Amino acid sequence: MGQVIQFVSRSERERLRLIQEARAIYDSIFPPADPVSERHDTTTIGRAVGGNVESLS
């Protein structure tokens, strides 16, 4: 009870997918300099909604 479901448009989902794909391609061409601190696609894109940051991963 009390859960809020946020609508994410198809175009927004496609935009996020394209960003993730481009980031993967970039990382394959230019690998991170420090393999120890390499992120494993855990980066999320957040958007402030009403003062709160929500993850859109």
PDB file of N, CA and C in Angstrom:
ATOM      1  N   MET A   1       0.835  -1.188   0.000  1.00  0.00           N
ATOM      2  CA  MET A   1       0.000   0.000   0.000  1.00  0.00           C
ATOM      3  C   MET A   1       0.877   1.248   0.000  1.00  0.00           C
ATOM      4  N   GLY A   2       0.370   2.273  -0.623  1.00  0.00           N
ATOM      5  CA  GLY A   2       1.078   3.535  -0.638  1.00  0.00           C
ATOM      6  C   GLY A   2       2.217   3.592  -1.642  1.00  0.00           C
ATOM      7  N   GLN A   3       2.354   2.593  -2.511  1.00  0.00           N
ATOM      8  CA  GLN A   3       3.421   2.620  -3.497  1.00  0.00           C
ATOM      9  C   GLN A   3       3.008   3.484  -4.681  1.00  0.00           C
ATOM     10  N   VAL A   4       3.974   4.229  -5.204  1.00  0.00           N
ATOM     11  CA  VAL A   4       3.742   5.074  -6.366  1.00  0.00           C
ATOM     12  C   VAL A   4       4.481   4.454  -7.542  1.00  0.00           C
ATOM     13  N   ILE A   5       3.776   4.251  -8.620  1.00  0.00           N
ATOM     14  CA  ILE A   5       4.379   3.706  -9.826  1.00  0.00           C
ATOM     15  C   ILE A   5       4.567   4.842 -10.807  1.00  0.00           C
ATOM     16  N   GLN A   6       5.811   5.027 -11.236  1.00  0.00           N
ATOM     17  CA  GLN A   6       6.121   6.120 -12.152  1.00  0.00           C
ATOM     18  C   GLN A   6       6.083   5.606 -13.587  1.00  0.00           C
ATOM     19  N   PHE A   7       5.393   6.309 -14.441  1.00  0.00           N
ATOM     20  CA  PHE A   7       5.328   5.958 -15.853  1.00  0.00           C
ATOM     21  C   PHE A   7       6.604   6.407 -16.539  1.00  0.00           C
ATOM     22  N   VAL A   8       7.224   5.497 -17.265  1.00  0.00           N
ATOM     23  CA  VAL A   8       8.404   5.813 -18.063  1.00  0.00           C
ATOM     24  C   VAL A   8       8.039   5.526 -19.511  1.00  0.00           C
ATOM     25  N   SER A   9       8.082   6.551 -20.315  1.00  0.00           N
ATOM     26  CA  SER A   9       7.657   6.412 -21.706  1.00  0.00           C
ATOM     27  C   SER A   9       8.590   5.493 -22.487  1.00  0.00           C
ATOM     28  N   ARG A  10       8.088   4.981 -23.575  1.00  0.00           N
ATOM     29  CA  ARG A  10       8.871   4.101 -24.436  1.00  0.00           C
ATOM     30  C   ARG A  10      10.115   4.824 -24.947  1.00  0.00           C
ATOM     31  N   SER A  11       9.958   6.089 -25.310  1.00  0.00           N
ATOM     32  CA  SER A  11      11.105   6.838 -25.826  1.00  0.00           C
ATOM     33  C   SER A  11      12.172   7.033 -24.750  1.00  0.00           C
ATOM     34  N   GLU A  12      11.762   7.212 -23.497  1.00  0.00           N
ATOM     35  CA  GLU A  12      12.718   7.358 -22.401  1.00  0.00           C
ATOM     36  C   GLU A  12      13.467   6.042 -22.166  1.00  0.00           C
ATOM     37  N   ARG A  13      12.764   4.924 -22.208  1.00  0.00           N
ATOM     38  CA  ARG A  13      13.421   3.619 -22.062  1.00  0.00           C
ATOM     39  C   ARG A  13      14.401   3.375 -23.195  1.00  0.00           C
ATOM     40  N   GLU A  14      14.016   3.749 -24.415  1.00  0.00           N
ATOM     41  CA  GLU A  14      14.899   3.582 -25.571  1.00  0.00           C
ATOM     42  C   GLU A  14      16.135   4.468 -25.433  1.00  0.00           C
ATOM     43  N   ARG A  15      15.950   5.689 -24.949  1.00  0.00           N
ATOM     44  CA  ARG A  15      17.068   6.606 -24.737  1.00  0.00           C
ATOM     45  C   ARG A  15      18.047   6.019 -23.725  1.00  0.00           C
ATOM     46  N   LEU A  16      17.536   5.467 -22.626  1.00  0.00           N
ATOM     47  CA  LEU A  16      18.395   4.864 -21.614  1.00  0.00           C
ATOM     48  C   LEU A  16      19.119   3.640 -22.162  1.00  0.00           C
ATOM     49  N   ARG A  17      18.435   2.834 -22.982  1.00  0.00           N
ATOM     50  CA  ARG A  17      19.060   1.662 -23.584  1.00  0.00           C
ATOM     51  C   ARG A  17      20.202   2.073 -24.508  1.00  0.00           C
ATOM     52  N   LEU A  18      19.974   3.110 -25.306  1.00  0.00           N
ATOM     53  CA  LEU A  18      21.004   3.591 -26.223  1.00  0.00           C
ATOM     54  C   LEU A  18      22.207   4.153 -25.474  1.00  0.00           C
ATOM     55  N   ILE A  19      21.970   4.828 -24.371  1.00  0.00           N
ATOM     56  CA  ILE A  19      23.061   5.357 -23.553  1.00  0.00           C
ATOM     57  C   ILE A  19      23.894   4.214 -22.997  1.00  0.00           C
ATOM     58  N   GLN A  20      23.233   3.170 -22.485  1.00  0.00           N
ATOM     59  CA  GLN A  20      23.961   2.021 -21.940  1.00  0.00           C
ATOM     60  C   GLN A  20      24.757   1.313 -23.031  1.00  0.00           C
ATOM     61  N   GLU A  21      24.172   1.177 -24.210  1.00  0.00           N
ATOM     62  CA  GLU A  21      24.859   0.531 -25.318  1.00  0.00           C
ATOM     63  C   GLU A  21      26.082   1.347 -25.749  1.00  0.00           C
ATOM     64  N   ALA A  22      25.918   2.658 -25.852  1.00  0.00           N
ATOM     65  CA  ALA A  22      27.031   3.529 -26.231  1.00  0.00           C
ATOM     66  C   ALA A  22      28.143   3.480 -25.190  1.00  0.00           C
ATOM     67  N   ARG A  23      27.776   3.435 -23.908  1.00  0.00           N
ATOM     68  CA  ARG A  23      28.776   3.355 -22.844  1.00  0.00           C
ATOM     69  C   ARG A  23      29.553   2.040 -22.935  1.00  0.00           C
ATOM     70  N   ALA A  24      28.865   0.943 -23.226  1.00  0.00           N
ATOM     71  CA  ALA A  24      29.528  -0.356 -23.359  1.00  0.00           C
ATOM     72  C   ALA A  24      30.502  -0.350 -24.545  1.00  0.00           C
ATOM     73  N   ILE A  25      30.092   0.241 -25.654  1.00  0.00           N
ATOM     74  CA  ILE A  25      30.962   0.329 -26.833  1.00  0.00           C
ATOM     75  C   ILE A  25      32.180   1.193 -26.514  1.00  0.00           C
ATOM     76  N   TYR A  26      31.959   2.329 -25.874  1.00  0.00           N
ATOM     77  CA  TYR A  26      33.062   3.218 -25.510  1.00  0.00           C
ATOM     78  C   TYR A  26      34.044   2.502 -24.594  1.00  0.00           C
ATOM     79  N   ASP A  27      33.527   1.780 -23.584  1.00  0.00           N
ATOM     80  CA  ASP A  27      34.397   1.071 -22.655  1.00  0.00           C
ATOM     81  C   ASP A  27      35.164  -0.056 -23.342  1.00  0.00           C
ATOM     82  N   SER A  28      34.581  -0.645 -24.394  1.00  0.00           N
ATOM     83  CA  SER A  28      35.300  -1.699 -25.098  1.00  0.00           C
ATOM     84  C   SER A  28      36.435  -1.121 -25.949  1.00  0.00           C
ATOM     85  N   ILE A  29      36.271   0.106 -26.420  1.00  0.00           N
ATOM     86  CA  ILE A  29      37.307   0.757 -27.228  1.00  0.00           C
ATOM     87  C   ILE A  29      38.348   1.420 -26.329  1.00  0.00           C
ATOM     88  N   PHE A  30      37.890   2.097 -25.286  1.00  0.00           N
ATOM     89  CA  PHE A  30      38.769   2.800 -24.351  1.00  0.00           C
ATOM     90  C   PHE A  30      38.564   2.203 -22.966  1.00  0.00           C
ATOM     91  N   PRO A  31      39.227   1.090 -22.670  1.00  0.00           N
ATOM     92  CA  PRO A  31      39.038   0.457 -21.359  1.00  0.00           C
ATOM     93  C   PRO A  31      39.457   1.395 -20.232  1.00  0.00           C
ATOM     94  N   PRO A  32      38.828   1.255 -19.086  1.00  0.00           N
ATOM     95  CA  PRO A  32      39.202   2.090 -17.939  1.00  0.00           C
ATOM     96  C   PRO A  32      40.678   1.909 -17.605  1.00  0.00           C
ATOM     97  N   ALA A  33      41.330   2.975 -17.158  1.00  0.00           N
ATOM     98  CA  ALA A  33      42.763   2.948 -16.874  1.00  0.00           C
ATOM     99  C   ALA A  33      43.081   2.069 -15.671  1.00  0.00           C
ATOM    100  N   ASP A  34      42.178   2.009 -14.698  1.00  0.00           N
ATOM    101  CA  ASP A  34      42.417   1.261 -13.470  1.00  0.00           C
ATOM    102  C   ASP A  34      41.446   0.078 -13.404  1.00  0.00           C
ATOM    103  N   PRO A  35      41.887  -1.128 -13.778  1.00  0.00           N
ATOM    104  CA  PRO A  35      40.974  -2.275 -13.801  1.00  0.00           C
ATOM    105  C   PRO A  35      40.429  -2.640 -12.427  1.00  0.00           C
ATOM    106  N   VAL A  36      41.119  -2.263 -11.329  1.00  0.00           N
ATOM    107  CA  VAL A  36      40.638  -2.575  -9.987  1.00  0.00           C
ATOM    108  C   VAL A  36      39.364  -1.792  -9.683  1.00  0.00           C
ATOM    109  N   SER A  37      39.325  -0.539 -10.110  1.00  0.00           N
ATOM    110  CA  SER A  37      38.157   0.295  -9.820  1.00  0.00           C
ATOM    111  C   SER A  37      37.147   0.264 -10.960  1.00  0.00           C
ATOM    112  N   GLU A  38      37.321  -0.678 -11.881  1.00  0.00           N
ATOM    113  CA  GLU A  38      36.407  -0.774 -13.019  1.00  0.00           C
ATOM    114  C   GLU A  38      34.994  -1.055 -12.537  1.00  0.00           C
ATOM    115  N   ARG A  39      34.077  -0.299 -13.045  1.00  0.00           N
ATOM    116  CA  ARG A  39      32.678  -0.530 -12.679  1.00  0.00           C
ATOM    117  C   ARG A  39      32.136  -1.669 -13.542  1.00  0.00           C
ATOM    118  N   HIS A  40      31.242  -2.401 -13.007  1.00  0.00           N
ATOM    119  CA  HIS A  40      30.651  -3.536 -13.712  1.00  0.00           C
ATOM    120  C   HIS A  40      29.211  -3.217 -14.061  1.00  0.00           C
ATOM    121  N   ASP A  41      29.035  -2.156 -14.829  1.00  0.00           N
ATOM    122  CA  ASP A  41      27.720  -1.713 -15.281  1.00  0.00           C
ATOM    123  C   ASP A  41      26.753  -1.529 -14.112  1.00  0.00           C
ATOM    124  N   THR A  42      27.263  -0.969 -13.011  1.00  0.00           N
ATOM    125  CA  THR A  42      26.414  -0.713 -11.858  1.00  0.00           C
ATOM    126  C   THR A  42      25.995   0.743 -11.794  1.00  0.00           C
ATOM    127  N   THR A  43      26.446   1.518 -12.771  1.00  0.00           N
ATOM    128  CA  THR A  43      26.077   2.923 -12.806  1.00  0.00           C
ATOM    129  C   THR A  43      24.603   3.040 -13.152  1.00  0.00           C
ATOM    130  N   THR A  44      23.890   3.823 -12.387  1.00  0.00           N
ATOM    131  CA  THR A  44      22.481   4.041 -12.675  1.00  0.00           C
ATOM    132  C   THR A  44      22.271   5.499 -13.009  1.00  0.00           C
ATOM    133  N   ILE A  45      21.258   5.747 -13.719  1.00  0.00           N
ATOM    134  CA  ILE A  45      20.900   7.105 -14.074  1.00  0.00           C
ATOM    135  C   ILE A  45      19.758   7.516 -13.155  1.00  0.00           C
ATOM    136  N   GLY A  46      19.946   8.584 -12.423  1.00  0.00           N
ATOM    137  CA  GLY A  46      18.934   9.033 -11.489  1.00  0.00           C
ATOM    138  C   GLY A  46      18.303  10.322 -11.956  1.00  0.00           C
ATOM    139  N   ARG A  47      17.085  10.527 -11.527  1.00  0.00           N
ATOM    140  CA  ARG A  47      16.375  11.754 -11.882  1.00  0.00           C
ATOM    141  C   ARG A  47      15.676  12.242 -10.620  1.00  0.00           C
ATOM    142  N   ALA A  48      15.815  13.526 -10.350  1.00  0.00           N
ATOM    143  CA  ALA A  48      15.164  14.104  -9.178  1.00  0.00           C
ATOM    144  C   ALA A  48      13.675  14.250  -9.446  1.00  0.00           C
ATOM    145  N   VAL A  49      12.894  13.671  -8.562  1.00  0.00           N
ATOM    146  CA  VAL A  49      11.432  13.754  -8.678  1.00  0.00           C
ATOM    147  C   VAL A  49      10.915  14.210  -7.324  1.00  0.00           C
ATOM    148  N   GLY A  50      10.419  15.417  -7.263  1.00  0.00           N
ATOM    149  CA  GLY A  50       9.880  15.922  -6.015  1.00  0.00           C
ATOM    150  C   GLY A  50      10.894  15.960  -4.895  1.00  0.00           C
ATOM    151  N   GLY A  51      12.152  16.240  -5.225  1.00  0.00           N
ATOM    152  CA  GLY A  51      13.186  16.327  -4.200  1.00  0.00           C
ATOM    153  C   GLY A  51      13.885  15.007  -3.932  1.00  0.00           C
ATOM    154  N   ASN A  52      13.354  13.906  -4.438  1.00  0.00           N
ATOM    155  CA  ASN A  52      13.976  12.597  -4.246  1.00  0.00           C
ATOM    156  C   ASN A  52      14.631  12.153  -5.546  1.00  0.00           C
ATOM    157  N   VAL A  53      15.702  11.408  -5.425  1.00  0.00           N
ATOM    158  CA  VAL A  53      16.369  10.886  -6.615  1.00  0.00           C
ATOM    159  C   VAL A  53      15.937   9.441  -6.788  1.00  0.00           C
ATOM    160  N   GLU A  54      15.409   9.134  -7.965  1.00  0.00           N
ATOM    161  CA  GLU A  54      14.958   7.774  -8.231  1.00  0.00           C
ATOM    162  C   GLU A  54      15.871   7.147  -9.256  1.00  0.00           C
ATOM    163  N   SER A  55      16.173   5.890  -9.090  1.00  0.00           N
ATOM    164  CA  SER A  55      17.032   5.173 -10.010  1.00  0.00           C
ATOM    165  C   SER A  55      16.226   4.664 -11.186  1.00  0.00           C
ATOM    166  N   LEU A  56      16.797   4.784 -12.394  1.00  0.00           N
ATOM    167  CA  LEU A  56      16.101   4.336 -13.592  1.00  0.00           C
ATOM    168  C   LEU A  56      16.865   3.223 -14.290  1.00  0.00           C
ATOM    169  N   SER A  57      17.560   2.409 -13.515  1.00  0.00           N
ATOM    170  CA  SER A  57      18.381   1.366 -14.137  1.00  0.00           C
ATOM    171  C   SER A  57      17.575   0.197 -14.615  1.00  0.00           C
TER     172      SER A  57
END
